[in-house]
N, C-alpha and C. Protein backbone atom coordinates (compact mmCIF):
# COMPACT_ATOMS: atom_id res chain seq x y z
N MET A 1 108.30 85.13 84.54
CA MET A 1 108.83 86.43 84.91
C MET A 1 109.90 86.27 85.98
N ILE A 2 110.92 87.06 85.89
CA ILE A 2 112.04 87.01 86.82
C ILE A 2 112.09 88.32 87.59
N GLU A 3 112.15 88.22 88.92
CA GLU A 3 112.24 89.44 89.72
C GLU A 3 113.65 90.00 89.64
N MET A 4 113.71 91.32 89.51
CA MET A 4 114.97 92.03 89.39
C MET A 4 115.09 93.04 90.51
N VAL A 5 116.33 93.41 90.83
CA VAL A 5 116.58 94.48 91.79
C VAL A 5 117.47 95.51 91.12
N LEU A 6 117.30 96.75 91.50
CA LEU A 6 118.14 97.81 90.97
C LEU A 6 119.53 97.64 91.54
N SER A 7 120.49 97.41 90.67
CA SER A 7 121.85 97.14 91.10
C SER A 7 122.70 98.41 91.15
N LYS A 8 122.61 99.19 90.09
CA LYS A 8 123.42 100.41 90.04
C LYS A 8 122.92 101.35 88.96
N ILE A 9 123.41 102.55 89.05
CA ILE A 9 123.16 103.57 88.02
C ILE A 9 124.52 103.90 87.45
N LYS A 10 124.62 103.87 86.14
CA LYS A 10 125.90 104.16 85.48
C LYS A 10 125.72 105.30 84.49
N VAL A 11 126.74 106.11 84.38
CA VAL A 11 126.77 107.17 83.37
C VAL A 11 127.93 106.86 82.45
N ASP A 12 127.62 106.69 81.18
CA ASP A 12 128.63 106.43 80.17
C ASP A 12 129.00 107.76 79.52
N GLU A 13 130.11 108.31 79.96
CA GLU A 13 130.54 109.64 79.47
C GLU A 13 130.86 109.62 77.98
N ASN A 14 131.39 108.51 77.49
CA ASN A 14 131.76 108.42 76.08
C ASN A 14 130.54 108.42 75.16
N ARG A 15 129.50 107.73 75.58
CA ARG A 15 128.31 107.61 74.73
C ARG A 15 127.21 108.59 75.14
N HIS A 16 127.45 109.34 76.23
CA HIS A 16 126.47 110.31 76.74
C HIS A 16 125.14 109.62 77.04
N GLU A 17 125.23 108.50 77.75
CA GLU A 17 124.04 107.73 78.11
C GLU A 17 124.04 107.48 79.62
N GLN A 18 122.83 107.37 80.15
CA GLN A 18 122.64 106.99 81.54
C GLN A 18 121.96 105.62 81.54
N LEU A 19 122.41 104.76 82.43
CA LEU A 19 121.85 103.41 82.49
C LEU A 19 121.41 103.08 83.91
N VAL A 20 120.28 102.40 84.01
CA VAL A 20 119.97 101.72 85.26
C VAL A 20 120.30 100.26 84.97
N VAL A 21 120.93 99.63 85.93
CA VAL A 21 121.33 98.24 85.76
C VAL A 21 120.58 97.41 86.80
N PHE A 22 119.80 96.46 86.30
CA PHE A 22 119.07 95.55 87.17
C PHE A 22 119.86 94.27 87.29
N ARG A 23 119.76 93.65 88.46
CA ARG A 23 120.37 92.35 88.69
C ARG A 23 119.25 91.36 89.00
N GLU A 24 119.36 90.20 88.43
CA GLU A 24 118.41 89.13 88.73
C GLU A 24 118.43 88.87 90.24
N LYS A 25 117.27 88.91 90.89
CA LYS A 25 117.22 88.79 92.35
C LYS A 25 117.87 87.50 92.85
N ASP A 26 117.58 86.40 92.20
CA ASP A 26 118.14 85.12 92.63
C ASP A 26 119.03 84.52 91.55
N GLY A 27 119.84 85.35 90.92
CA GLY A 27 120.70 84.86 89.85
C GLY A 27 121.85 85.81 89.60
N ASN A 28 122.51 85.63 88.47
CA ASN A 28 123.70 86.43 88.19
C ASN A 28 123.61 87.19 86.86
N ARG A 29 122.41 87.32 86.31
CA ARG A 29 122.27 88.08 85.08
C ARG A 29 121.94 89.54 85.40
N PHE A 30 122.46 90.42 84.56
CA PHE A 30 122.22 91.85 84.69
C PHE A 30 121.50 92.34 83.45
N LEU A 31 120.66 93.35 83.63
CA LEU A 31 119.96 93.95 82.50
C LEU A 31 120.18 95.46 82.52
N PRO A 32 121.04 95.96 81.62
CA PRO A 32 121.24 97.41 81.53
C PRO A 32 120.16 98.04 80.65
N VAL A 33 119.58 99.14 81.14
CA VAL A 33 118.54 99.85 80.40
C VAL A 33 118.91 101.32 80.32
N VAL A 34 119.00 101.84 79.11
CA VAL A 34 119.31 103.26 78.90
C VAL A 34 118.08 104.08 79.23
N ILE A 35 118.27 105.13 80.05
CA ILE A 35 117.16 106.01 80.39
C ILE A 35 117.61 107.47 80.32
N GLY A 36 116.66 108.36 80.37
CA GLY A 36 116.94 109.78 80.24
C GLY A 36 117.37 110.43 81.55
N LEU A 37 117.89 111.65 81.43
CA LEU A 37 118.36 112.40 82.61
C LEU A 37 117.25 112.69 83.63
N PRO A 38 116.05 113.11 83.20
CA PRO A 38 115.01 113.39 84.21
C PRO A 38 114.66 112.16 85.05
N GLU A 39 114.64 111.00 84.41
CA GLU A 39 114.31 109.79 85.14
C GLU A 39 115.44 109.37 86.08
N ILE A 40 116.69 109.53 85.62
CA ILE A 40 117.84 109.26 86.50
C ILE A 40 117.75 110.15 87.73
N HIS A 41 117.42 111.41 87.50
CA HIS A 41 117.30 112.37 88.60
C HIS A 41 116.20 111.92 89.57
N ALA A 42 115.05 111.52 89.05
CA ALA A 42 113.93 111.07 89.89
C ALA A 42 114.32 109.83 90.70
N ILE A 43 115.03 108.91 90.08
CA ILE A 43 115.45 107.69 90.76
C ILE A 43 116.47 108.01 91.84
N LYS A 44 117.44 108.87 91.52
CA LYS A 44 118.46 109.24 92.51
C LYS A 44 117.85 109.99 93.69
N LEU A 45 116.87 110.85 93.44
CA LEU A 45 116.21 111.56 94.54
C LEU A 45 115.60 110.56 95.52
N LYS A 46 114.90 109.56 94.98
CA LYS A 46 114.24 108.58 95.85
C LYS A 46 115.27 107.72 96.57
N LEU A 47 116.28 107.26 95.87
CA LEU A 47 117.31 106.43 96.50
C LEU A 47 118.05 107.19 97.60
N GLY A 48 118.21 108.50 97.41
CA GLY A 48 118.90 109.34 98.39
C GLY A 48 117.99 109.86 99.48
N ASN A 49 116.71 109.44 99.46
CA ASN A 49 115.72 109.91 100.43
C ASN A 49 115.59 111.43 100.47
N VAL A 50 115.78 112.06 99.32
CA VAL A 50 115.63 113.51 99.21
C VAL A 50 114.15 113.81 98.98
N LYS A 51 113.60 114.70 99.78
CA LYS A 51 112.20 115.07 99.65
C LYS A 51 112.13 116.50 99.14
N PRO A 52 111.80 116.67 97.85
CA PRO A 52 111.71 118.02 97.31
C PRO A 52 110.54 118.77 97.96
N PRO A 53 110.61 120.10 97.97
CA PRO A 53 109.55 120.88 98.63
C PRO A 53 108.17 120.70 97.98
N ARG A 54 108.14 120.40 96.71
CA ARG A 54 106.89 120.16 95.99
C ARG A 54 107.02 118.81 95.30
N PRO A 55 105.90 118.12 95.05
CA PRO A 55 105.99 116.80 94.42
C PRO A 55 106.57 116.87 93.00
N MET A 56 107.50 115.97 92.75
CA MET A 56 108.02 115.81 91.39
C MET A 56 107.03 114.93 90.62
N THR A 57 107.20 114.83 89.32
CA THR A 57 106.24 114.13 88.46
C THR A 57 105.94 112.70 88.93
N HIS A 58 106.97 111.93 89.25
CA HIS A 58 106.76 110.53 89.64
C HIS A 58 106.11 110.43 91.02
N ASP A 59 106.43 111.38 91.91
CA ASP A 59 105.75 111.43 93.20
C ASP A 59 104.27 111.73 92.99
N LEU A 60 103.99 112.67 92.11
CA LEU A 60 102.62 113.05 91.81
C LEU A 60 101.84 111.87 91.22
N MET A 61 102.44 111.17 90.27
CA MET A 61 101.77 110.03 89.65
C MET A 61 101.45 108.95 90.69
N PHE A 62 102.39 108.68 91.57
CA PHE A 62 102.18 107.70 92.62
C PHE A 62 101.05 108.14 93.55
N LYS A 63 101.06 109.42 93.92
CA LYS A 63 100.03 109.96 94.81
C LYS A 63 98.64 109.91 94.16
N ILE A 64 98.56 110.18 92.88
CA ILE A 64 97.28 110.11 92.18
C ILE A 64 96.71 108.70 92.24
N VAL A 65 97.54 107.71 91.97
CA VAL A 65 97.09 106.31 92.03
C VAL A 65 96.56 106.01 93.43
N GLN A 66 97.29 106.42 94.46
CA GLN A 66 96.87 106.17 95.84
C GLN A 66 95.55 106.87 96.16
N GLU A 67 95.45 108.13 95.81
CA GLU A 67 94.26 108.91 96.16
C GLU A 67 93.02 108.43 95.41
N LEU A 68 93.21 107.79 94.28
CA LEU A 68 92.08 107.23 93.53
C LEU A 68 91.75 105.80 93.99
N GLY A 69 92.41 105.37 95.05
CA GLY A 69 92.10 104.06 95.62
C GLY A 69 92.86 102.91 95.00
N GLY A 70 93.87 103.20 94.21
CA GLY A 70 94.64 102.14 93.58
C GLY A 70 95.88 101.80 94.38
N LYS A 71 96.44 100.64 94.07
CA LYS A 71 97.68 100.22 94.69
C LYS A 71 98.55 99.58 93.63
N LEU A 72 99.73 100.16 93.42
CA LEU A 72 100.65 99.58 92.46
C LEU A 72 101.13 98.24 93.01
N GLN A 73 100.97 97.18 92.21
CA GLN A 73 101.35 95.84 92.63
C GLN A 73 102.75 95.45 92.18
N LYS A 74 103.07 95.81 90.92
CA LYS A 74 104.36 95.41 90.35
C LYS A 74 104.57 96.17 89.05
N VAL A 75 105.80 96.09 88.59
CA VAL A 75 106.19 96.60 87.28
C VAL A 75 106.76 95.42 86.51
N VAL A 76 106.40 95.31 85.23
CA VAL A 76 106.92 94.23 84.40
C VAL A 76 107.50 94.83 83.12
N ILE A 77 108.78 94.58 82.90
CA ILE A 77 109.40 94.92 81.62
C ILE A 77 109.10 93.73 80.73
N ASP A 78 108.25 93.97 79.74
CA ASP A 78 107.65 92.83 79.03
C ASP A 78 107.94 92.75 77.54
N LYS A 79 108.65 93.73 77.00
CA LYS A 79 108.91 93.68 75.56
C LYS A 79 110.19 94.43 75.23
N LEU A 80 110.89 93.93 74.23
CA LEU A 80 112.07 94.58 73.67
C LEU A 80 111.85 94.64 72.17
N GLU A 81 111.71 95.86 71.66
CA GLU A 81 111.39 96.04 70.25
C GLU A 81 112.28 97.14 69.68
N ASN A 82 113.06 96.82 68.65
CA ASN A 82 113.97 97.79 68.03
C ASN A 82 114.87 98.46 69.07
N SER A 83 115.44 97.66 69.95
CA SER A 83 116.34 98.11 71.01
C SER A 83 115.67 99.01 72.05
N THR A 84 114.35 99.00 72.11
CA THR A 84 113.61 99.79 73.08
C THR A 84 112.83 98.86 73.99
N PHE A 85 113.02 99.04 75.30
CA PHE A 85 112.29 98.26 76.28
C PHE A 85 110.91 98.86 76.50
N HIS A 86 109.94 98.01 76.80
CA HIS A 86 108.58 98.43 77.11
C HIS A 86 108.23 97.83 78.47
N ALA A 87 107.40 98.53 79.22
CA ALA A 87 107.01 98.05 80.55
C ALA A 87 105.53 98.27 80.78
N LYS A 88 105.04 97.63 81.84
CA LYS A 88 103.65 97.79 82.25
C LYS A 88 103.61 98.02 83.76
N LEU A 89 102.69 98.89 84.16
CA LEU A 89 102.37 99.09 85.57
C LEU A 89 101.14 98.26 85.87
N TYR A 90 101.17 97.46 86.91
CA TYR A 90 100.02 96.65 87.32
C TYR A 90 99.43 97.28 88.58
N ILE A 91 98.23 97.82 88.45
CA ILE A 91 97.57 98.54 89.53
C ILE A 91 96.31 97.79 89.93
N LEU A 92 96.13 97.60 91.22
CA LEU A 92 94.92 96.96 91.74
C LEU A 92 94.00 98.06 92.25
N ARG A 93 92.78 98.10 91.71
CA ARG A 93 91.79 99.08 92.14
C ARG A 93 91.09 98.60 93.41
N GLU A 94 90.39 99.53 94.06
CA GLU A 94 89.64 99.19 95.28
C GLU A 94 88.63 98.07 95.05
N ASP A 95 88.04 98.04 93.84
CA ASP A 95 87.02 97.02 93.56
C ASP A 95 87.62 95.67 93.18
N GLY A 96 88.95 95.54 93.27
CA GLY A 96 89.61 94.28 92.99
C GLY A 96 90.03 94.09 91.54
N GLN A 97 89.66 95.02 90.68
CA GLN A 97 90.03 94.92 89.26
C GLN A 97 91.48 95.34 89.07
N GLU A 98 92.19 94.56 88.26
CA GLU A 98 93.57 94.90 87.93
C GLU A 98 93.58 95.75 86.67
N VAL A 99 94.32 96.83 86.72
CA VAL A 99 94.48 97.72 85.58
C VAL A 99 95.94 97.64 85.15
N VAL A 100 96.18 97.46 83.86
CA VAL A 100 97.54 97.37 83.33
C VAL A 100 97.77 98.57 82.43
N ILE A 101 98.82 99.33 82.73
CA ILE A 101 99.09 100.57 82.01
C ILE A 101 100.46 100.50 81.36
N ASP A 102 100.50 100.79 80.05
CA ASP A 102 101.75 100.83 79.30
C ASP A 102 102.61 101.97 79.82
N SER A 103 103.91 101.73 79.93
CA SER A 103 104.80 102.74 80.49
C SER A 103 106.22 102.52 79.98
N ARG A 104 107.00 103.58 80.03
CA ARG A 104 108.43 103.42 79.77
C ARG A 104 109.06 102.79 81.01
N PRO A 105 110.04 101.92 80.84
CA PRO A 105 110.68 101.33 82.02
C PRO A 105 111.25 102.38 82.98
N SER A 106 111.78 103.44 82.47
CA SER A 106 112.37 104.47 83.33
C SER A 106 111.32 105.08 84.26
N ASP A 107 110.15 105.42 83.72
CA ASP A 107 109.07 105.97 84.55
C ASP A 107 108.56 104.91 85.51
N SER A 108 108.42 103.68 85.02
CA SER A 108 107.93 102.58 85.85
C SER A 108 108.83 102.35 87.06
N VAL A 109 110.12 102.38 86.83
CA VAL A 109 111.07 102.14 87.93
C VAL A 109 111.00 103.28 88.93
N ALA A 110 110.94 104.51 88.45
CA ALA A 110 110.85 105.66 89.36
C ALA A 110 109.61 105.56 90.24
N ILE A 111 108.50 105.09 89.68
CA ILE A 111 107.27 104.95 90.46
C ILE A 111 107.36 103.71 91.36
N ALA A 112 107.91 102.62 90.87
CA ALA A 112 108.04 101.40 91.67
C ALA A 112 108.87 101.65 92.93
N LEU A 113 109.91 102.44 92.83
CA LEU A 113 110.72 102.77 94.00
C LEU A 113 109.89 103.50 95.04
N ARG A 114 109.03 104.40 94.58
CA ARG A 114 108.17 105.14 95.50
C ARG A 114 107.13 104.24 96.16
N ALA A 115 106.63 103.27 95.41
CA ALA A 115 105.62 102.35 95.93
C ALA A 115 106.22 101.15 96.64
N GLN A 116 107.53 100.99 96.52
CA GLN A 116 108.25 99.85 97.10
C GLN A 116 107.67 98.52 96.64
N VAL A 117 107.55 98.40 95.31
CA VAL A 117 107.04 97.17 94.70
C VAL A 117 108.11 96.55 93.81
N PRO A 118 107.99 95.26 93.53
CA PRO A 118 109.01 94.59 92.72
C PRO A 118 108.93 94.94 91.23
N VAL A 119 110.08 94.78 90.60
CA VAL A 119 110.21 94.93 89.15
C VAL A 119 110.54 93.55 88.60
N PHE A 120 109.78 93.13 87.59
CA PHE A 120 109.99 91.84 86.94
C PHE A 120 110.36 92.06 85.49
N VAL A 121 111.04 91.06 84.91
CA VAL A 121 111.38 91.07 83.49
C VAL A 121 110.99 89.71 82.93
N GLU A 122 110.41 89.73 81.75
CA GLU A 122 110.07 88.48 81.08
C GLU A 122 111.36 87.72 80.75
N GLU A 123 111.32 86.42 80.91
CA GLU A 123 112.49 85.56 80.68
C GLU A 123 113.07 85.75 79.27
N GLU A 124 112.23 85.87 78.27
CA GLU A 124 112.71 86.04 76.89
C GLU A 124 113.58 87.28 76.74
N ILE A 125 113.22 88.35 77.44
CA ILE A 125 114.02 89.58 77.38
C ILE A 125 115.37 89.36 78.03
N LEU A 126 115.39 88.65 79.16
CA LEU A 126 116.67 88.36 79.80
C LEU A 126 117.55 87.50 78.91
N LYS A 127 116.94 86.54 78.23
CA LYS A 127 117.72 85.69 77.31
C LYS A 127 118.34 86.52 76.20
N THR A 128 117.62 87.53 75.75
CA THR A 128 118.07 88.35 74.63
C THR A 128 119.03 89.46 75.03
N ALA A 129 118.74 90.14 76.16
CA ALA A 129 119.44 91.40 76.45
C ALA A 129 120.28 91.41 77.72
N SER A 130 120.29 90.32 78.48
CA SER A 130 121.06 90.35 79.74
C SER A 130 122.53 90.11 79.48
N VAL A 131 123.31 90.50 80.47
CA VAL A 131 124.76 90.28 80.46
C VAL A 131 125.13 89.70 81.82
N TYR A 132 126.34 89.18 81.93
CA TYR A 132 126.77 88.58 83.20
C TYR A 132 127.70 89.49 83.99
N GLU A 133 128.15 90.56 83.39
CA GLU A 133 128.98 91.55 84.09
C GLU A 133 128.66 92.92 83.54
N VAL A 134 128.66 93.90 84.42
CA VAL A 134 128.43 95.27 83.98
C VAL A 134 129.51 96.15 84.56
């Protein structure tokens, strides 16, 4: 697994797509991932340190994990199937058991930012879908 950092958010006006672009933490590969508008909004709110008056969905999900005694450890983008990325949330329970939950990368990233945990990508996905310039 390769640790990634959020490099930028891009909006492609021609294709009407929003992308989060990850950069390899200790390298020069980039991984662009198309995500939806609600998730872009959630990510931008967190990056801008905007605190809405009521919890947004990703804030709520993070708070539920915390209140149930869990701690998000990491996010792993672990599969690319039919041009769709898949991710997992790795949560450590109070009793020491690790729980792995299937998630969309966009939701995973929005929650990872709130928990301040790393995002990893499987090497095979980087070999297949990374680029060197975005």
